[in-house]
Amino acid sequence: MPPPHPEMKTNQELLLLISKSLSSLHKRQDDLCKRLENLQKDLNDFKDQMPVRKSGWLSDYWEMK
């Protein structure tokens, strides 16, 4: 049997690398979810400040909420 290649990793080393990568991905996913929640809140706040189109007796008009 030939000697192992010097850059070859053991199963344990590979599992550790995979675990670290997954942890990093989960952290980034959590960060993205928080940013999306903040953006959704900002959008809702913005929508609450927008005027609303209403229908009057003779014409349409805009009214602030």
PDB file of N, CA and C in Angstrom:
ATOM      1  N   MET A   1       0.852  -1.186   0.000  1.00  0.00           N
ATOM      2  CA  MET A   1       0.000   0.000   0.000  1.00  0.00           C
ATOM      3  C   MET A   1       0.892   1.242   0.000  1.00  0.00           C
ATOM      4  N   PRO A   2       0.615   2.213  -0.897  1.00  0.00           N
ATOM      5  CA  PRO A   2       1.478   3.410  -0.957  1.00  0.00           C
ATOM      6  C   PRO A   2       1.267   4.277   0.285  1.00  0.00           C
ATOM      7  N   PRO A   3       2.268   5.056   0.625  1.00  0.00           N
ATOM      8  CA  PRO A   3       2.130   5.948   1.793  1.00  0.00           C
ATOM      9  C   PRO A   3       1.082   7.024   1.508  1.00  0.00           C
ATOM     10  N   PRO A   4       0.378   7.488   2.538  1.00  0.00           N
ATOM     11  CA  PRO A   4      -0.648   8.522   2.307  1.00  0.00           C
ATOM     12  C   PRO A   4      -0.034   9.819   1.796  1.00  0.00           C
ATOM     13  N   HIS A   5      -0.800  10.490   1.011  1.00  0.00           N
ATOM     14  CA  HIS A   5      -0.375  11.784   0.472  1.00  0.00           C
ATOM     15  C   HIS A   5      -0.276  12.776   1.630  1.00  0.00           C
ATOM     16  N   PRO A   6       0.753  13.648   1.651  1.00  0.00           N
ATOM     17  CA  PRO A   6       0.934  14.554   2.793  1.00  0.00           C
ATOM     18  C   PRO A   6      -0.227  15.531   3.003  1.00  0.00           C
ATOM     19  N   GLU A   7      -0.939  15.873   1.933  1.00  0.00           N
ATOM     20  CA  GLU A   7      -2.048  16.822   2.070  1.00  0.00           C
ATOM     21  C   GLU A   7      -3.375  16.132   2.344  1.00  0.00           C
ATOM     22  N   MET A   8      -3.359  14.812   2.407  1.00  0.00           N
ATOM     23  CA  MET A   8      -4.578  14.063   2.657  1.00  0.00           C
ATOM     24  C   MET A   8      -5.038  14.252   4.094  1.00  0.00           C
ATOM     25  N   LYS A   9      -6.338  14.430   4.276  1.00  0.00           N
ATOM     26  CA  LYS A   9      -6.870  14.665   5.611  1.00  0.00           C
ATOM     27  C   LYS A   9      -7.562  13.408   6.119  1.00  0.00           C
ATOM     28  N   THR A  10      -7.575  13.256   7.414  1.00  0.00           N
ATOM     29  CA  THR A  10      -8.281  12.119   8.015  1.00  0.00           C
ATOM     30  C   THR A  10      -9.775  12.399   8.011  1.00  0.00           C
ATOM     31  N   ASN A  11     -10.560  11.377   8.250  1.00  0.00           N
ATOM     32  CA  ASN A  11     -12.010  11.553   8.316  1.00  0.00           C
ATOM     33  C   ASN A  11     -12.389  12.540   9.415  1.00  0.00           C
ATOM     34  N   GLN A  12     -11.700  12.463  10.534  1.00  0.00           N
ATOM     35  CA  GLN A  12     -11.995  13.365  11.654  1.00  0.00           C
ATOM     36  C   GLN A  12     -11.707  14.817  11.268  1.00  0.00           C
ATOM     37  N   GLU A  13     -10.605  15.045  10.576  1.00  0.00           N
ATOM     38  CA  GLU A  13     -10.273  16.405  10.129  1.00  0.00           C
ATOM     39  C   GLU A  13     -11.309  16.914   9.125  1.00  0.00           C
ATOM     40  N   LEU A  14     -11.736  16.036   8.235  1.00  0.00           N
ATOM     41  CA  LEU A  14     -12.748  16.428   7.251  1.00  0.00           C
ATOM     42  C   LEU A  14     -14.075  16.755   7.938  1.00  0.00           C
ATOM     43  N   LEU A  15     -14.470  15.943   8.910  1.00  0.00           N
ATOM     44  CA  LEU A  15     -15.706  16.209   9.638  1.00  0.00           C
ATOM     45  C   LEU A  15     -15.629  17.531  10.397  1.00  0.00           C
ATOM     46  N   LEU A  16     -14.494  17.820  10.946  1.00  0.00           N
ATOM     47  CA  LEU A  16     -14.305  19.086  11.657  1.00  0.00           C
ATOM     48  C   LEU A  16     -14.431  20.265  10.691  1.00  0.00           C
ATOM     49  N   LEU A  17     -13.825  20.137   9.526  1.00  0.00           N
ATOM     50  CA  LEU A  17     -13.931  21.201   8.510  1.00  0.00           C
ATOM     51  C   LEU A  17     -15.382  21.384   8.060  1.00  0.00           C
ATOM     52  N   ILE A  18     -16.080  20.291   7.845  1.00  0.00           N
ATOM     53  CA  ILE A  18     -17.488  20.363   7.440  1.00  0.00           C
ATOM     54  C   ILE A  18     -18.311  21.014   8.539  1.00  0.00           C
ATOM     55  N   SER A  19     -18.056  20.634   9.763  1.00  0.00           N
ATOM     56  CA  SER A  19     -18.784  21.198  10.898  1.00  0.00           C
ATOM     57  C   SER A  19     -18.553  22.707  11.007  1.00  0.00           C
ATOM     58  N   LYS A  20     -17.317  23.130  10.846  1.00  0.00           N
ATOM     59  CA  LYS A  20     -17.006  24.562  10.901  1.00  0.00           C
ATOM     60  C   LYS A  20     -17.701  25.309   9.764  1.00  0.00           C
ATOM     61  N   SER A  21     -17.690  24.718   8.582  1.00  0.00           N
ATOM     62  CA  SER A  21     -18.338  25.357   7.429  1.00  0.00           C
ATOM     63  C   SER A  21     -19.838  25.488   7.651  1.00  0.00           C
ATOM     64  N   LEU A  22     -20.462  24.432   8.178  1.00  0.00           N
ATOM     65  CA  LEU A  22     -21.903  24.488   8.447  1.00  0.00           C
ATOM     66  C   LEU A  22     -22.227  25.523   9.507  1.00  0.00           C
ATOM     67  N   SER A  23     -21.406  25.601  10.506  1.00  0.00           N
ATOM     68  CA  SER A  23     -21.617  26.593  11.557  1.00  0.00           C
ATOM     69  C   SER A  23     -21.536  28.003  10.984  1.00  0.00           C
ATOM     70  N   SER A  24     -20.560  28.215  10.132  1.00  0.00           N
ATOM     71  CA  SER A  24     -20.404  29.525   9.498  1.00  0.00           C
ATOM     72  C   SER A  24     -21.617  29.845   8.615  1.00  0.00           C
ATOM     73  N   LEU A  25     -22.092  28.859   7.873  1.00  0.00           N
ATOM     74  CA  LEU A  25     -23.269  29.066   7.021  1.00  0.00           C
ATOM     75  C   LEU A  25     -24.498  29.389   7.855  1.00  0.00           C
ATOM     76  N   HIS A  26     -24.671  28.691   8.972  1.00  0.00           N
ATOM     77  CA  HIS A  26     -25.821  28.955   9.836  1.00  0.00           C
ATOM     78  C   HIS A  26     -25.765  30.362  10.410  1.00  0.00           C
ATOM     79  N   LYS A  27     -24.567  30.798  10.777  1.00  0.00           N
ATOM     80  CA  LYS A  27     -24.427  32.147  11.317  1.00  0.00           C
ATOM     81  C   LYS A  27     -24.779  33.190  10.256  1.00  0.00           C
ATOM     82  N   ARG A  28     -24.293  32.979   9.037  1.00  0.00           N
ATOM     83  CA  ARG A  28     -24.609  33.915   7.957  1.00  0.00           C
ATOM     84  C   ARG A  28     -26.106  33.904   7.653  1.00  0.00           C
ATOM     85  N   GLN A  29     -26.713  32.712   7.697  1.00  0.00           N
ATOM     86  CA  GLN A  29     -28.146  32.610   7.450  1.00  0.00           C
ATOM     87  C   GLN A  29     -28.920  33.360   8.538  1.00  0.00           C
ATOM     88  N   ASP A  30     -28.511  33.221   9.785  1.00  0.00           N
ATOM     89  CA  ASP A  30     -29.159  33.949  10.878  1.00  0.00           C
ATOM     90  C   ASP A  30     -29.019  35.454  10.691  1.00  0.00           C
ATOM     91  N   ASP A  31     -27.823  35.887  10.287  1.00  0.00           N
ATOM     92  CA  ASP A  31     -27.591  37.318  10.047  1.00  0.00           C
ATOM     93  C   ASP A  31     -28.497  37.828   8.926  1.00  0.00           C
ATOM     94  N   LEU A  32     -28.611  37.047   7.856  1.00  0.00           N
ATOM     95  CA  LEU A  32     -29.478  37.453   6.745  1.00  0.00           C
ATOM     96  C   LEU A  32     -30.941  37.518   7.178  1.00  0.00           C
ATOM     97  N   CYS A  33     -31.359  36.562   7.989  1.00  0.00           N
ATOM     98  CA  CYS A  33     -32.750  36.570   8.477  1.00  0.00           C
ATOM     99  C   CYS A  33     -33.016  37.811   9.319  1.00  0.00           C
ATOM    100  N   LYS A  34     -32.066  38.186  10.159  1.00  0.00           N
ATOM    101  CA  LYS A  34     -32.227  39.394  10.980  1.00  0.00           C
ATOM    102  C   LYS A  34     -32.308  40.635  10.092  1.00  0.00           C
ATOM    103  N   ARG A  35     -31.454  40.686   9.081  1.00  0.00           N
ATOM    104  CA  ARG A  35     -31.477  41.836   8.174  1.00  0.00           C
ATOM    105  C   ARG A  35     -32.793  41.911   7.418  1.00  0.00           C
ATOM    106  N   LEU A  36     -33.321  40.751   6.995  1.00  0.00           N
ATOM    107  CA  LEU A  36     -34.608  40.734   6.301  1.00  0.00           C
ATOM    108  C   LEU A  36     -35.742  41.182   7.217  1.00  0.00           C
ATOM    109  N   GLU A  37     -35.708  40.757   8.467  1.00  0.00           N
ATOM    110  CA  GLU A  37     -36.728  41.189   9.424  1.00  0.00           C
ATOM    111  C   GLU A  37     -36.680  42.703   9.614  1.00  0.00           C
ATOM    112  N   ASN A  38     -35.471  43.246   9.713  1.00  0.00           N
ATOM    113  CA  ASN A  38     -35.320  44.695   9.865  1.00  0.00           C
ATOM    114  C   ASN A  38     -35.817  45.433   8.625  1.00  0.00           C
ATOM    115  N   LEU A  39     -35.517  44.891   7.449  1.00  0.00           N
ATOM    116  CA  LEU A  39     -35.996  45.511   6.211  1.00  0.00           C
ATOM    117  C   LEU A  39     -37.520  45.462   6.128  1.00  0.00           C
ATOM    118  N   GLN A  40     -38.108  44.338   6.558  1.00  0.00           N
ATOM    119  CA  GLN A  40     -39.565  44.219   6.549  1.00  0.00           C
ATOM    120  C   GLN A  40     -40.189  45.245   7.484  1.00  0.00           C
ATOM    121  N   LYS A  41     -39.596  45.429   8.651  1.00  0.00           N
ATOM    122  CA  LYS A  41     -40.095  46.418   9.608  1.00  0.00           C
ATOM    123  C   LYS A  41     -39.988  47.826   9.015  1.00  0.00           C
ATOM    124  N   ASP A  42     -38.835  48.132   8.391  1.00  0.00           N
ATOM    125  CA  ASP A  42     -38.660  49.443   7.760  1.00  0.00           C
ATOM    126  C   ASP A  42     -39.691  49.661   6.652  1.00  0.00           C
ATOM    127  N   LEU A  43     -39.952  48.628   5.863  1.00  0.00           N
ATOM    128  CA  LEU A  43     -40.935  48.742   4.786  1.00  0.00           C
ATOM    129  C   LEU A  43     -42.328  48.985   5.357  1.00  0.00           C
ATOM    130  N   ASN A  44     -42.680  48.263   6.414  1.00  0.00           N
ATOM    131  CA  ASN A  44     -43.992  48.458   7.036  1.00  0.00           C
ATOM    132  C   ASN A  44     -44.121  49.871   7.594  1.00  0.00           C
ATOM    133  N   ASP A  45     -43.045  50.365   8.235  1.00  0.00           N
ATOM    134  CA  ASP A  45     -43.066  51.736   8.751  1.00  0.00           C
ATOM    135  C   ASP A  45     -43.232  52.737   7.616  1.00  0.00           C
ATOM    136  N   PHE A  46     -42.554  52.487   6.492  1.00  0.00           N
ATOM    137  CA  PHE A  46     -42.649  53.372   5.336  1.00  0.00           C
ATOM    138  C   PHE A  46     -44.065  53.359   4.766  1.00  0.00           C
ATOM    139  N   LYS A  47     -44.644  52.151   4.650  1.00  0.00           N
ATOM    140  CA  LYS A  47     -46.012  52.034   4.116  1.00  0.00           C
ATOM    141  C   LYS A  47     -47.003  52.785   4.994  1.00  0.00           C
ATOM    142  N   ASP A  48     -46.780  52.766   6.305  1.00  0.00           N
ATOM    143  CA  ASP A  48     -47.687  53.452   7.222  1.00  0.00           C
ATOM    144  C   ASP A  48     -47.644  54.963   7.046  1.00  0.00           C
ATOM    145  N   GLN A  49     -46.578  55.489   6.456  1.00  0.00           N
ATOM    146  CA  GLN A  49     -46.443  56.933   6.262  1.00  0.00           C
ATOM    147  C   GLN A  49     -46.936  57.390   4.895  1.00  0.00           C
ATOM    148  N   MET A  50     -47.243  56.434   4.013  1.00  0.00           N
ATOM    149  CA  MET A  50     -47.664  56.781   2.663  1.00  0.00           C
ATOM    150  C   MET A  50     -49.132  57.207   2.647  1.00  0.00           C
ATOM    151  N   PRO A  51     -49.478  58.169   1.787  1.00  0.00           N
ATOM    152  CA  PRO A  51     -50.889  58.564   1.678  1.00  0.00           C
ATOM    153  C   PRO A  51     -51.717  57.441   1.045  1.00  0.00           C
ATOM    154  N   VAL A  52     -53.004  57.470   1.314  1.00  0.00           N
ATOM    155  CA  VAL A  52     -53.922  56.451   0.813  1.00  0.00           C
ATOM    156  C   VAL A  52     -54.888  57.110  -0.167  1.00  0.00           C
ATOM    157  N   ARG A  53     -55.143  56.437  -1.260  1.00  0.00           N
ATOM    158  CA  ARG A  53     -56.084  56.984  -2.253  1.00  0.00           C
ATOM    159  C   ARG A  53     -57.507  56.680  -1.792  1.00  0.00           C
ATOM    160  N   LYS A  54     -58.344  57.704  -1.772  1.00  0.00           N
ATOM    161  CA  LYS A  54     -59.734  57.552  -1.350  1.00  0.00           C
ATOM    162  C   LYS A  54     -60.640  58.071  -2.455  1.00  0.00           C
ATOM    163  N   SER A  55     -61.849  57.587  -2.457  1.00  0.00           N
ATOM    164  CA  SER A  55     -62.833  58.058  -3.438  1.00  0.00           C
ATOM    165  C   SER A  55     -63.786  59.028  -2.754  1.00  0.00           C
ATOM    166  N   GLY A  56     -63.920  60.192  -3.340  1.00  0.00           N
ATOM    167  CA  GLY A  56     -64.842  61.196  -2.825  1.00  0.00           C
ATOM    168  C   GLY A  56     -66.131  61.216  -3.632  1.00  0.00           C
ATOM    169  N   TRP A  57     -66.973  62.176  -3.318  1.00  0.00           N
ATOM    170  CA  TRP A  57     -68.264  62.293  -4.002  1.00  0.00           C
ATOM    171  C   TRP A  57     -68.072  62.590  -5.486  1.00  0.00           C
ATOM    172  N   LEU A  58     -67.144  63.526  -5.792  1.00  0.00           N
ATOM    173  CA  LEU A  58     -66.948  63.906  -7.192  1.00  0.00           C
ATOM    174  C   LEU A  58     -65.626  63.416  -7.783  1.00  0.00           C
ATOM    175  N   SER A  59     -64.641  63.155  -6.934  1.00  0.00           N
ATOM    176  CA  SER A  59     -63.341  62.748  -7.469  1.00  0.00           C
ATOM    177  C   SER A  59     -62.552  61.971  -6.412  1.00  0.00           C
ATOM    178  N   ASP A  60     -61.439  61.419  -6.843  1.00  0.00           N
ATOM    179  CA  ASP A  60     -60.550  60.726  -5.928  1.00  0.00           C
ATOM    180  C   ASP A  60     -59.621  61.730  -5.267  1.00  0.00           C
ATOM    181  N   TYR A  61     -59.167  61.398  -4.079  1.00  0.00           N
ATOM    182  CA  TYR A  61     -58.212  62.265  -3.383  1.00  0.00           C
ATOM    183  C   TYR A  61     -57.287  61.384  -2.540  1.00  0.00           C
ATOM    184  N   TRP A  62     -56.198  61.998  -2.085  1.00  0.00           N
ATOM    185  CA  TRP A  62     -55.210  61.299  -1.247  1.00  0.00           C
ATOM    186  C   TRP A  62     -55.331  61.782   0.180  1.00  0.00           C
ATOM    187  N   GLU A  63     -55.197  60.837   1.096  1.00  0.00           N
ATOM    188  CA  GLU A  63     -55.290  61.189   2.510  1.00  0.00           C
ATOM    189  C   GLU A  63     -54.156  60.483   3.256  1.00  0.00           C
ATOM    190  N   MET A  64     -53.547  61.235   4.186  1.00  0.00           N
ATOM    191  CA  MET A  64     -52.492  60.628   5.021  1.00  0.00           C
ATOM    192  C   MET A  64     -53.150  59.694   6.031  1.00  0.00           C
ATOM    193  N   LYS A  65     -52.476  58.595   6.329  1.00  0.00           N
ATOM    194  CA  LYS A  65     -53.008  57.653   7.328  1.00  0.00           C
ATOM    195  C   LYS A  65     -52.965  58.255   8.701  1.00  0.00           C
TER     196      LYS A  65
END
